[in-house]
């Protein structure tokens, strides 16, 4: 503290990221105690948030539809056959000033050449922003996350999207023994029969079994 007549001045330097409240109590020479001063909450946040993942969700009435039915992976990005919502999930380390927005670019390509670019931003709600990609878009998505303090992550694109064009493999095991056959050689049984069916898909997984 430094004194200039009846004025005392002090400087409080805060250097570490965190959340702070400054409280000051003071008394004059006559012994009068003044009400303590308390500052507003002070947040120092110099860390940029991060984009955790992209989630592709087709905007269709068929809730069981797979994203691979409507999105095709291209050398320079993706081809969206129908209008699509891409959910972008983001988070920030503590202390955080709060997540603010997702800034994105939709860059369209044709034969490897950039044809156009759409830029905009979306508010972040509960750690997620939903980006609606128009039907027919061919290109790449670039996005970065920004917090209220103005810290922004680097741009991130979706990871490789799996397009599964391989049909599942089915195996049927019939371990039931019988000595009876019909005229065409098909087995005939006089007891209960157990059939083991195994369906395998190691790419996108099985959607349903009917």
Protein backbone atom coordinates (compact mmCIF):
# COMPACT_ATOMS: atom_id res chain seq x y z
CA UNK A 1 0.00 0.00 0.00
CA UNK A 2 1.16 3.56 -0.73
CA UNK A 3 -0.07 6.75 0.95
CA UNK A 4 -0.78 10.08 -0.70
CA UNK A 5 -2.22 12.37 1.95
CA UNK A 6 -5.46 10.79 3.09
CA UNK A 7 -5.52 8.29 0.22
CA UNK A 8 -4.05 4.81 0.37
CA UNK A 9 -3.58 2.83 -2.82
CA UNK A 10 -2.77 -0.83 -3.20
CA UNK A 11 -2.43 -3.13 -6.20
CA UNK A 12 -3.54 -6.74 -6.05
CA UNK A 13 -2.03 -8.86 -8.78
CA UNK A 14 -3.66 -12.16 -9.68
CA UNK A 15 -1.60 -14.32 -12.01
CA UNK A 16 -3.15 -17.79 -11.91
CA UNK A 17 -6.27 -18.98 -13.72
CA UNK A 18 -9.12 -19.37 -11.27
CA UNK A 19 -12.20 -17.81 -9.68
CA UNK A 20 -11.59 -15.10 -7.13
CA UNK A 21 -13.46 -12.72 -4.81
CA UNK A 22 -11.54 -9.81 -3.25
CA UNK A 23 -12.50 -8.85 0.31
CA UNK A 24 -11.04 -5.78 2.02
CA UNK A 25 -11.62 -4.58 5.57
CA UNK A 26 -10.43 -1.19 6.78
CA UNK A 27 -10.52 1.11 9.84
CA UNK A 28 -9.72 4.78 10.32
CA UNK A 29 -7.40 6.21 13.00
CA UNK A 30 -10.35 6.94 15.26
CA UNK A 31 -11.10 3.23 15.42
CA UNK A 32 -14.13 3.31 13.15
CA UNK A 33 -14.57 0.01 11.32
CA UNK A 34 -16.10 0.35 7.88
CA UNK A 35 -18.21 -2.35 6.23
CA UNK A 36 -16.04 -4.87 4.44
CA UNK A 37 -15.73 -4.43 0.69
CA UNK A 38 -16.36 -7.50 -1.47
CA UNK A 39 -15.77 -7.50 -5.21
CA UNK A 40 -17.78 -9.27 -7.82
CA UNK A 41 -16.64 -12.73 -8.83
CA UNK A 42 -13.45 -12.49 -10.90
CA UNK A 43 -12.68 -15.31 -13.32
CA UNK A 44 -9.32 -15.60 -15.03
CA UNK A 45 -9.64 -18.06 -17.91
CA UNK A 46 -6.87 -18.29 -20.46
CA UNK A 47 -7.46 -21.91 -21.51
CA UNK A 48 -9.24 -22.61 -24.78
CA UNK A 49 -12.16 -25.05 -24.82
CA UNK A 50 -12.05 -28.15 -26.99
CA UNK A 51 -14.29 -29.98 -29.41
CA UNK A 52 -14.80 -33.51 -28.12
CA UNK A 53 -16.66 -35.19 -30.95
CA UNK A 54 -19.08 -34.96 -33.85
CA UNK A 55 -22.29 -36.98 -33.95
CA UNK A 56 -24.14 -37.48 -37.23
CA UNK A 57 -27.95 -37.72 -36.97
CA UNK A 58 -30.16 -38.01 -40.09
CA UNK A 59 -33.26 -35.80 -40.13
CA UNK A 60 -35.69 -38.53 -41.13
CA UNK A 61 -38.93 -39.92 -39.80
CA UNK A 62 -37.31 -43.35 -39.63
CA UNK A 63 -35.64 -43.23 -36.25
CA UNK A 64 -33.84 -46.51 -36.97
CA UNK A 65 -32.05 -45.16 -40.05
CA UNK A 66 -28.27 -45.28 -39.97
CA UNK A 67 -26.16 -42.27 -40.83
CA UNK A 68 -24.42 -44.35 -43.49
CA UNK A 69 -27.72 -44.48 -45.39
CA UNK A 70 -27.54 -40.75 -45.98
CA UNK A 71 -23.87 -39.76 -45.81
CA UNK A 72 -21.15 -40.90 -48.17
CA UNK A 73 -17.47 -40.43 -47.33
CA UNK A 74 -15.54 -38.60 -50.04
CA UNK A 75 -11.83 -37.93 -50.47
CA UNK A 76 -12.31 -34.31 -49.41
CA UNK A 77 -15.11 -34.70 -46.89
CA UNK A 78 -18.68 -35.97 -47.09
CA UNK A 79 -21.69 -36.06 -49.37
CA UNK A 80 -24.95 -35.45 -47.51
CA UNK A 81 -27.78 -37.04 -49.47
CA UNK A 82 -30.45 -35.55 -47.22
CA UNK A 83 -30.68 -32.69 -44.73
CA UNK A 84 -28.60 -33.70 -41.75
CA UNK A 85 -27.98 -32.52 -38.21
CA UNK A 86 -24.38 -32.76 -37.07
CA UNK A 87 -24.16 -32.44 -33.28
CA UNK A 88 -20.89 -30.87 -32.17
CA UNK A 89 -19.95 -31.62 -28.56
CA UNK A 90 -17.57 -29.32 -26.70
CA UNK A 91 -16.18 -28.90 -23.18
CA UNK A 92 -13.92 -26.60 -21.20
CA UNK A 93 -11.58 -27.21 -18.30
CA UNK A 94 -12.09 -25.66 -14.85
CA UNK A 95 -11.95 -22.75 -14.14
CA UNK A 96 -14.14 -21.84 -17.07
CA UNK A 97 -15.75 -18.59 -18.07
CA UNK A 98 -18.45 -20.69 -19.74
CA UNK A 99 -18.92 -22.09 -23.23
CA UNK A 100 -20.26 -19.52 -25.66
CA UNK A 101 -20.44 -20.61 -29.30
CA UNK A 102 -19.31 -22.92 -32.08
CA UNK A 103 -17.88 -21.16 -35.11
CA UNK A 104 -18.09 -23.30 -38.22
CA UNK A 105 -17.25 -23.38 -41.90
CA UNK A 106 -18.94 -25.54 -44.52
CA UNK A 107 -16.43 -25.76 -47.37
CA UNK A 108 -17.78 -27.33 -50.55
CA UNK A 109 -15.49 -29.20 -52.94
CA UNK A 110 -15.81 -30.48 -56.49
CA UNK A 111 -13.05 -32.73 -57.85
CA UNK A 112 -10.74 -31.52 -55.08
CA UNK A 113 -11.26 -27.81 -55.77
CA UNK A 114 -12.98 -25.46 -53.32
CA UNK A 115 -16.27 -24.25 -54.75
CA UNK A 116 -17.63 -22.17 -51.89
CA UNK A 117 -17.72 -21.58 -48.17
CA UNK A 118 -20.47 -20.91 -45.63
CA UNK A 119 -19.43 -19.45 -42.27
CA UNK A 120 -21.56 -18.84 -39.19
CA UNK A 121 -21.76 -19.56 -35.48
CA UNK A 122 -24.09 -21.51 -33.21
CA UNK A 123 -24.82 -21.10 -29.49
CA UNK A 124 -23.64 -23.87 -27.19
CA UNK A 125 -26.37 -25.35 -24.99
CA UNK A 126 -25.45 -28.00 -22.42
CA UNK A 127 -22.14 -28.63 -24.15
CA UNK A 128 -23.58 -29.16 -27.63
CA UNK A 129 -24.47 -27.23 -30.78
CA UNK A 130 -26.55 -28.68 -33.62
CA UNK A 131 -25.37 -27.81 -37.13
CA UNK A 132 -27.95 -28.42 -39.88
CA UNK A 133 -26.20 -29.41 -43.12
CA UNK A 134 -28.32 -28.93 -46.26
CA UNK A 135 -29.16 -31.83 -48.55
CA UNK A 136 -26.75 -32.20 -51.44
CA UNK A 137 -23.78 -30.64 -49.66
CA UNK A 138 -20.44 -32.10 -50.75
CA UNK A 139 -17.49 -30.98 -48.70
CA UNK A 140 -15.93 -30.73 -45.28
CA UNK A 141 -17.00 -29.32 -41.92
CA UNK A 142 -14.59 -27.16 -39.95
CA UNK A 143 -15.53 -26.01 -36.45
CA UNK A 144 -13.94 -24.43 -33.41
CA UNK A 145 -15.27 -23.82 -29.91
CA UNK A 146 -15.10 -20.44 -28.13
CA UNK A 147 -15.76 -19.56 -24.49
CA UNK A 148 -17.22 -16.36 -23.04
CA UNK A 149 -13.73 -14.97 -22.33
CA UNK A 150 -12.92 -15.17 -26.04
CA UNK A 151 -10.61 -18.19 -25.95
CA UNK A 152 -11.10 -20.38 -29.03
CA UNK A 153 -9.88 -23.86 -29.88
CA UNK A 154 -8.25 -24.76 -33.14
CA UNK A 155 -10.44 -25.90 -36.00
CA UNK A 156 -11.44 -29.55 -35.92
CA UNK A 157 -13.01 -31.67 -38.67
CA UNK A 158 -15.01 -34.88 -38.15
CA UNK A 159 -12.98 -38.04 -37.91
CA UNK A 160 -13.24 -40.61 -40.66
CA UNK A 161 -16.86 -41.58 -41.16
CA UNK A 162 -17.50 -45.28 -41.70
CA UNK A 163 -19.66 -46.14 -44.69
CA UNK A 164 -20.55 -49.81 -44.51
CA UNK A 165 -21.33 -51.39 -47.89
CA UNK A 166 -20.67 -54.95 -46.77
CA UNK A 167 -23.69 -57.09 -45.95
CA UNK A 168 -23.71 -58.99 -42.65
CA UNK A 169 -22.61 -62.62 -42.61
CA UNK A 170 -25.04 -65.24 -41.36
CA UNK A 171 -24.25 -68.73 -40.13
CA UNK A 172 -26.92 -71.34 -39.37
CA UNK A 173 -25.90 -74.37 -37.37
CA UNK A 174 -28.15 -77.45 -37.36
CA UNK A 175 -26.72 -79.99 -34.95
CA UNK A 176 -29.87 -82.08 -34.81
CA UNK A 177 -29.42 -85.67 -35.90
CA UNK A 178 -32.12 -87.67 -37.68
CA UNK A 179 -32.22 -90.79 -39.78
CA UNK A 180 -35.43 -89.82 -41.60
CA UNK A 181 -35.59 -88.05 -44.99
CA UNK A 182 -38.36 -87.02 -47.33
CA UNK A 183 -38.42 -87.82 -51.04
CA UNK A 184 -36.15 -84.88 -51.82
CA UNK A 185 -33.61 -85.72 -49.14
CA UNK A 186 -34.72 -83.09 -46.63
CA UNK A 187 -34.39 -84.15 -42.95
CA UNK A 188 -37.51 -85.13 -41.01
CA UNK A 189 -37.73 -84.80 -37.23
CA UNK A 190 -40.01 -86.33 -34.64
CA UNK A 191 -38.71 -84.22 -31.73
CA UNK A 192 -38.08 -80.53 -30.97
CA UNK A 193 -35.35 -78.98 -33.10
CA UNK A 194 -32.81 -76.33 -32.02
CA UNK A 195 -31.30 -74.13 -34.73
CA UNK A 196 -28.40 -71.77 -33.88
CA UNK A 197 -28.26 -68.60 -35.99
CA UNK A 198 -25.23 -66.29 -35.82
CA UNK A 199 -25.22 -62.91 -37.59
CA UNK A 200 -21.96 -60.97 -37.83
CA UNK A 201 -21.15 -57.41 -38.92
CA UNK A 202 -17.87 -55.93 -37.75
CA UNK A 203 -18.16 -52.54 -39.49
CA UNK A 204 -21.33 -50.61 -38.60
CA UNK A 205 -23.04 -53.28 -36.50
CA UNK A 206 -26.47 -54.87 -36.76
CA UNK A 207 -29.45 -52.48 -36.93
CA UNK A 208 -32.25 -55.00 -36.45
CA UNK A 209 -33.06 -58.67 -36.76
CA UNK A 210 -36.41 -59.80 -38.10
